Protein backbone atom coordinates (compact mmCIF):
# COMPACT_ATOMS: atom_id res chain seq x y z
CA UNK A 1 76.40 111.25 103.92
CA UNK A 2 75.05 109.77 107.16
CA UNK A 3 78.71 108.84 109.10
CA UNK A 4 78.44 110.09 112.82
CA UNK A 5 75.80 108.18 113.50
CA UNK A 6 76.04 105.20 111.87
CA UNK A 7 79.99 104.70 113.37
CA UNK A 8 78.29 105.46 116.88
CA UNK A 9 75.42 102.48 115.75
CA UNK A 10 78.44 99.93 115.26
CA UNK A 11 79.74 101.19 118.10
CA UNK A 12 77.52 101.06 120.83
CA UNK A 13 74.57 99.01 119.60
CA UNK A 14 76.27 96.57 117.00
CA UNK A 15 79.29 96.45 119.80
CA UNK A 16 81.30 96.07 117.28
CA UNK A 17 85.55 95.54 117.86
CA UNK A 18 87.32 99.06 117.78
CA UNK A 19 89.25 97.30 114.93
CA UNK A 20 86.24 96.61 112.36
CA UNK A 21 85.26 100.21 112.86
CA UNK A 22 88.05 102.01 112.14
CA UNK A 23 88.08 99.90 108.99
CA UNK A 24 84.65 100.69 108.05
CA UNK A 25 85.72 104.41 108.44
CA UNK A 26 87.94 104.23 106.10
CA UNK A 27 86.37 102.37 103.35
CA UNK A 28 83.23 105.06 104.25
CA UNK A 29 85.72 107.72 104.20
CA UNK A 30 87.07 106.89 100.84
CA UNK A 31 83.86 106.13 99.25
CA UNK A 32 82.63 110.00 99.75
CA UNK A 33 85.63 111.13 99.01
CA UNK A 34 85.52 109.92 95.82
CA UNK A 35 81.75 110.97 95.09
CA UNK A 36 82.34 114.10 96.79
CA UNK A 37 85.27 114.80 93.64
CA UNK A 38 84.15 112.66 90.89
CA UNK A 39 80.14 113.68 91.56
CA UNK A 40 80.12 116.59 93.42
CA UNK A 41 77.57 114.11 95.32
CA UNK A 42 77.28 114.77 99.01
CA UNK A 43 73.72 113.36 100.34
CA UNK A 44 73.12 110.06 100.88
CA UNK A 45 69.89 109.97 98.88
CA UNK A 46 71.81 111.65 95.61
CA UNK A 47 73.66 108.14 95.70
CA UNK A 48 73.22 105.60 92.90
CA UNK A 49 73.88 102.67 91.75
CA UNK A 50 75.87 104.20 88.75
CA UNK A 51 78.47 105.79 91.61
CA UNK A 52 79.25 102.12 93.48
CA UNK A 53 79.80 100.93 90.12
CA UNK A 54 82.15 103.54 88.98
CA UNK A 55 84.09 103.49 92.58
CA UNK A 56 84.80 99.80 91.74
CA UNK A 57 86.58 100.55 88.63
CA UNK A 58 88.05 103.15 89.97
CA UNK A 59 89.36 100.51 93.01
CA UNK A 60 90.03 98.00 90.40
CA UNK A 61 92.25 100.81 88.06
CA UNK A 62 94.27 101.03 91.64
CA UNK A 63 94.93 97.63 91.24
CA UNK A 64 93.10 97.22 94.49
CA UNK A 65 92.40 93.38 94.90
CA UNK A 66 89.57 91.92 94.78
CA UNK A 67 89.17 90.51 98.01
CA UNK A 68 89.65 94.48 99.92
CA UNK A 69 86.91 95.73 97.17
CA UNK A 70 84.48 93.27 98.41
CA UNK A 71 84.60 94.20 101.87
CA UNK A 72 84.52 97.95 101.19
CA UNK A 73 81.25 96.96 99.36
CA UNK A 74 80.01 94.67 101.98
CA UNK A 75 80.95 97.98 104.45
CA UNK A 76 78.40 99.96 101.85
CA UNK A 77 76.24 97.69 102.21
CA UNK A 78 75.84 97.54 106.24
CA UNK A 79 76.09 101.75 105.61
CA UNK A 80 72.95 101.45 103.43
CA UNK A 81 71.11 99.14 105.59
CA UNK A 82 70.66 100.93 108.31
CA UNK A 83 70.05 104.47 106.30
CA UNK A 84 66.82 102.10 105.04
CA UNK A 85 66.44 100.78 108.88
CA UNK A 86 66.64 104.66 109.85
CA UNK A 87 63.87 105.18 106.73
CA UNK A 88 66.81 107.78 105.06
CA UNK A 89 66.03 105.89 102.08
CA UNK A 90 63.51 104.17 100.87
CA UNK A 91 65.67 101.92 97.92
CA UNK A 92 69.33 100.42 98.89
CA UNK A 93 71.67 100.84 95.80
CA UNK A 94 73.66 98.24 96.62
CA UNK A 95 70.83 96.56 95.06
CA UNK A 96 72.05 96.96 91.60
CA UNK A 97 76.02 96.24 92.39
CA UNK A 98 77.46 92.58 91.78
CA UNK A 99 80.69 92.10 93.33
CA UNK A 100 84.34 91.59 91.69
CA UNK A 101 84.23 87.23 92.52
CA UNK A 102 87.27 86.45 93.77
CA UNK A 103 89.07 83.31 94.13
CA UNK A 104 89.77 81.27 96.11
CA UNK A 105 92.87 81.33 97.87
CA UNK A 106 93.76 78.50 101.02
CA UNK A 107 95.19 80.12 104.20
CA UNK A 108 99.04 80.08 104.86
CA UNK A 109 99.99 77.30 107.08
CA UNK A 110 103.38 76.27 108.46
CA UNK A 111 103.88 72.60 108.20
CA UNK A 112 104.17 70.87 111.75
CA UNK A 113 108.12 69.26 111.33
CA UNK A 114 109.30 73.13 111.31
CA UNK A 115 106.76 74.88 114.19
CA UNK A 116 108.24 71.34 115.66
CA UNK A 117 111.79 73.15 115.01
CA UNK A 118 110.93 76.60 116.07
CA UNK A 119 109.92 75.58 119.45
CA UNK A 120 112.60 72.94 119.91
CA UNK A 121 115.64 73.68 118.12
CA UNK A 122 115.42 78.05 117.78
CA UNK A 123 117.19 79.74 121.06
CA UNK A 124 115.03 82.14 122.40
CA UNK A 125 116.90 83.47 125.30
CA UNK A 126 116.29 83.06 128.51
CA UNK A 127 116.33 86.70 129.43
CA UNK A 128 112.59 88.14 129.90
CA UNK A 129 112.28 88.67 125.78
CA UNK A 130 113.13 85.12 125.35
CA UNK A 131 110.55 83.56 127.45
CA UNK A 132 107.84 86.22 126.39
CA UNK A 133 108.05 85.58 122.51
CA UNK A 134 108.15 81.72 123.17
CA UNK A 135 105.23 82.03 125.39
CA UNK A 136 103.57 84.12 123.12
CA UNK A 137 104.40 81.86 119.78
CA UNK A 138 103.30 78.94 121.23
CA UNK A 139 100.39 80.25 122.69
CA UNK A 140 99.31 81.37 119.39
CA UNK A 141 99.83 78.46 117.99
CA UNK A 142 98.45 75.87 120.29
CA UNK A 143 95.04 77.60 120.92
CA UNK A 144 94.79 79.56 117.45
CA UNK A 145 93.66 83.24 119.71
CA UNK A 146 93.39 86.39 117.19
CA UNK A 147 96.38 88.24 118.23
CA UNK A 148 93.67 91.20 119.14
CA UNK A 149 92.68 88.32 122.16
CA UNK A 150 96.69 87.84 123.13
CA UNK A 151 96.88 91.39 123.88
CA UNK A 152 93.91 91.30 125.92
CA UNK A 153 94.48 88.42 128.06
CA UNK A 154 94.88 88.90 131.74
CA UNK A 155 95.74 86.80 134.98
CA UNK A 156 93.07 85.70 135.91
CA UNK A 157 92.21 84.37 132.33
CA UNK A 158 94.80 81.89 132.76
CA UNK A 159 93.55 79.16 135.19
CA UNK A 160 97.47 76.80 135.56
CA UNK A 161 95.06 74.20 137.59
CA UNK A 162 92.52 73.66 135.61
CA UNK A 163 94.75 73.97 131.93
CA UNK A 164 92.13 76.77 130.51
CA UNK A 165 92.50 80.16 129.34
CA UNK A 166 89.59 82.10 128.97
CA UNK A 167 89.56 84.71 126.00
CA UNK A 168 87.00 87.29 125.18
CA UNK A 169 86.63 87.31 121.66
CA UNK A 170 85.04 89.33 118.52
CA UNK A 171 80.99 90.43 119.58
CA UNK A 172 82.48 90.24 123.16
CA UNK A 173 82.02 86.58 123.29
CA UNK A 174 83.97 84.51 125.48
CA UNK A 175 85.25 81.21 124.69
CA UNK A 176 87.47 78.78 127.41
CA UNK A 177 90.16 76.81 125.41
CA UNK A 178 92.05 74.06 126.96
CA UNK A 179 96.03 74.39 127.34
CA UNK A 180 98.91 72.23 127.17
CA UNK A 181 100.18 70.77 131.01
CA UNK A 182 103.70 71.83 128.39
CA UNK A 183 102.32 74.96 127.81
CA UNK A 184 100.87 75.68 131.17
CA UNK A 185 104.49 75.12 132.46
CA UNK A 186 105.77 77.79 129.92
CA UNK A 187 103.16 80.60 130.74
CA UNK A 188 104.18 79.86 134.59
CA UNK A 189 107.67 80.01 134.06
CA UNK A 190 107.14 83.49 131.57
CA UNK A 191 104.90 85.15 134.36
CA UNK A 192 107.32 84.00 136.59
CA UNK A 193 109.97 86.50 135.05
CA UNK A 194 107.45 89.31 134.10
CA UNK A 195 106.51 89.56 137.87
CA UNK A 196 110.33 89.27 138.98
CA UNK A 197 111.36 92.23 135.96
CA UNK A 198 108.22 94.63 136.39
CA UNK A 199 107.23 94.08 140.25
CA UNK A 200 105.56 97.71 140.32
CA UNK A 201 103.50 97.12 137.31
CA UNK A 202 100.13 97.67 138.52
CA UNK A 203 98.15 96.87 135.83
CA UNK A 204 96.84 93.49 135.22
CA UNK A 205 97.76 92.64 131.21
CA UNK A 206 99.52 89.57 130.48
CA UNK A 207 101.82 90.23 127.66
CA UNK A 208 103.43 93.61 127.48
CA UNK A 209 107.30 95.35 126.41
CA UNK A 210 110.55 95.19 127.08
CA UNK A 211 109.22 98.58 129.02
CA UNK A 212 106.78 96.64 130.43
CA UNK A 213 103.94 98.57 128.83
CA UNK A 214 100.91 96.65 127.46
CA UNK A 215 101.77 95.34 123.88
CA UNK A 216 100.22 96.47 121.13
CA UNK A 217 99.46 95.32 117.65
CA UNK A 218 102.46 96.09 115.56
CA UNK A 219 104.77 95.02 118.82
CA UNK A 220 102.96 91.27 118.43
CA UNK A 221 103.23 91.02 114.48
CA UNK A 222 107.25 91.81 114.60
CA UNK A 223 107.80 89.51 116.85
CA UNK A 224 106.03 86.71 114.87
CA UNK A 225 107.25 87.53 111.75
CA UNK A 226 110.60 87.68 112.84
CA UNK A 227 110.59 84.30 114.34
CA UNK A 228 108.45 82.98 111.01
CA UNK A 229 111.33 84.44 108.35
CA UNK A 230 113.28 81.88 110.35
CA UNK A 231 111.64 78.62 109.61
CA UNK A 232 109.50 79.53 106.17
CA UNK A 233 109.62 81.53 102.58
CA UNK A 234 106.14 82.37 102.77
CA UNK A 235 105.85 86.00 102.64
CA UNK A 236 102.51 86.13 104.99
CA UNK A 237 104.27 85.96 108.58
CA UNK A 238 101.22 87.18 110.53
CA UNK A 239 99.85 85.73 114.03
CA UNK A 240 96.93 84.52 112.43
CA UNK A 241 99.38 82.48 109.98
CA UNK A 242 99.83 80.29 113.31
CA UNK A 243 95.89 80.66 113.81
CA UNK A 244 95.69 79.38 110.84
CA UNK A 245 98.35 76.69 111.14
CA UNK A 246 96.58 75.60 114.40
CA UNK A 247 93.16 74.91 112.32
CA UNK A 248 94.32 73.45 109.72
CA UNK A 249 97.16 70.84 111.42
CA UNK A 250 93.81 69.95 113.55
CA UNK A 251 91.19 68.77 110.84
CA UNK A 252 94.87 67.10 109.10
CA UNK A 253 94.37 64.93 112.11
CA UNK A 254 90.61 64.09 112.19
CA UNK A 255 89.85 66.84 114.68
CA UNK A 256 85.72 67.41 114.52
CA UNK A 257 85.00 70.70 112.29
CA UNK A 258 82.20 71.98 115.33
CA UNK A 259 85.29 71.50 117.67
CA UNK A 260 87.43 73.49 114.99
CA UNK A 261 84.58 76.10 114.89
CA UNK A 262 84.48 76.41 118.95
CA UNK A 263 87.78 76.81 119.08
CA UNK A 264 88.30 79.26 116.89
CA UNK A 265 85.17 81.44 117.72
CA UNK A 266 83.31 81.14 114.24
CA UNK A 267 80.34 82.69 114.61
CA UNK A 268 79.14 80.22 111.39
CA UNK A 269 81.48 76.78 110.16
CA UNK A 270 81.37 78.92 106.95
CA UNK A 271 84.15 80.14 108.16
CA UNK A 272 85.75 77.03 109.75
CA UNK A 273 85.08 75.09 106.63
CA UNK A 274 88.04 77.00 104.54
CA UNK A 275 90.77 74.33 106.50
CA UNK A 276 89.03 71.09 105.24
CA UNK A 277 89.93 73.02 101.67
CA UNK A 278 93.61 72.46 102.77
CA UNK A 279 93.54 68.97 104.62
CA UNK A 280 91.65 67.31 101.09
CA UNK A 281 94.34 69.46 99.47
CA UNK A 282 97.20 67.17 101.44
CA UNK A 283 94.82 64.32 100.38
CA UNK A 284 95.03 65.06 97.05
CA UNK A 285 99.19 65.25 97.38
CA UNK A 286 99.04 61.75 98.90
CA UNK A 287 96.68 60.34 96.93
CA UNK A 288 99.09 61.29 93.60
CA UNK A 289 101.99 60.34 95.19
CA UNK A 290 100.68 56.59 96.34
CA UNK A 291 98.38 55.81 94.05
CA UNK A 292 99.89 53.68 91.52
CA UNK A 293 97.29 54.39 88.52
CA UNK A 294 97.44 58.41 89.80
CA UNK A 295 101.21 58.12 89.16
CA UNK A 296 100.37 57.49 85.41
């Protein structure tokens, strides 16, 4: 399989993020190992749709979720399209492959009152760690930015006079997001204590660990998971839950879907429409509780 050429293509020509590239590498390596061990197939020209179908069955037997399987099939589709464009293949083996159906799953959302309790009642502490943790959580919830976007923020990205932050999203696309006066004050307080705690640090990254190093994905997840565990029993307590909550709360309060799309940095409206489903579910609950005929 011509994996090296493909990875160079998605890194330098398509400019995929490192996170996406690692996911592609994992999916394609798994598939390569499977067809090598099961069918002794090593060449792209010898791969058939039957091999891919068998791999799907094998993944299902391993209890891999249909959502994860479909992501792996999407990776395969991109790979074979690359080979066809390079004239390595003339037929795409994915054409005869049917992806398993995925049940609709609404995003996990933390209720507004629970998040208000978190920011108003939970003690974060007045030291560097406490102020940093609260600033990160407020920024994730009040702007809906992704974990990777949070970690890559610099001082230059924060404009306290205009009350905006500049975010570098997927595909290296920049977007400018508004922040509230209160969040601006929180950021100012955090930057002051960070500068006092690490005065000799030369790099310009906004959020750092207790040792003054750049924040990393697992660290951000651990912080968010800890504080969300104090206010919700949901199993999912990742930074993305705050992004879901941001978008859903906007939708519930009548925000325009296109505006939510721009704030989230989605490339298409289809990715944003999932948040309207949460709004509809909320309306259904209100209807069931309030309408006399619905009660019957």
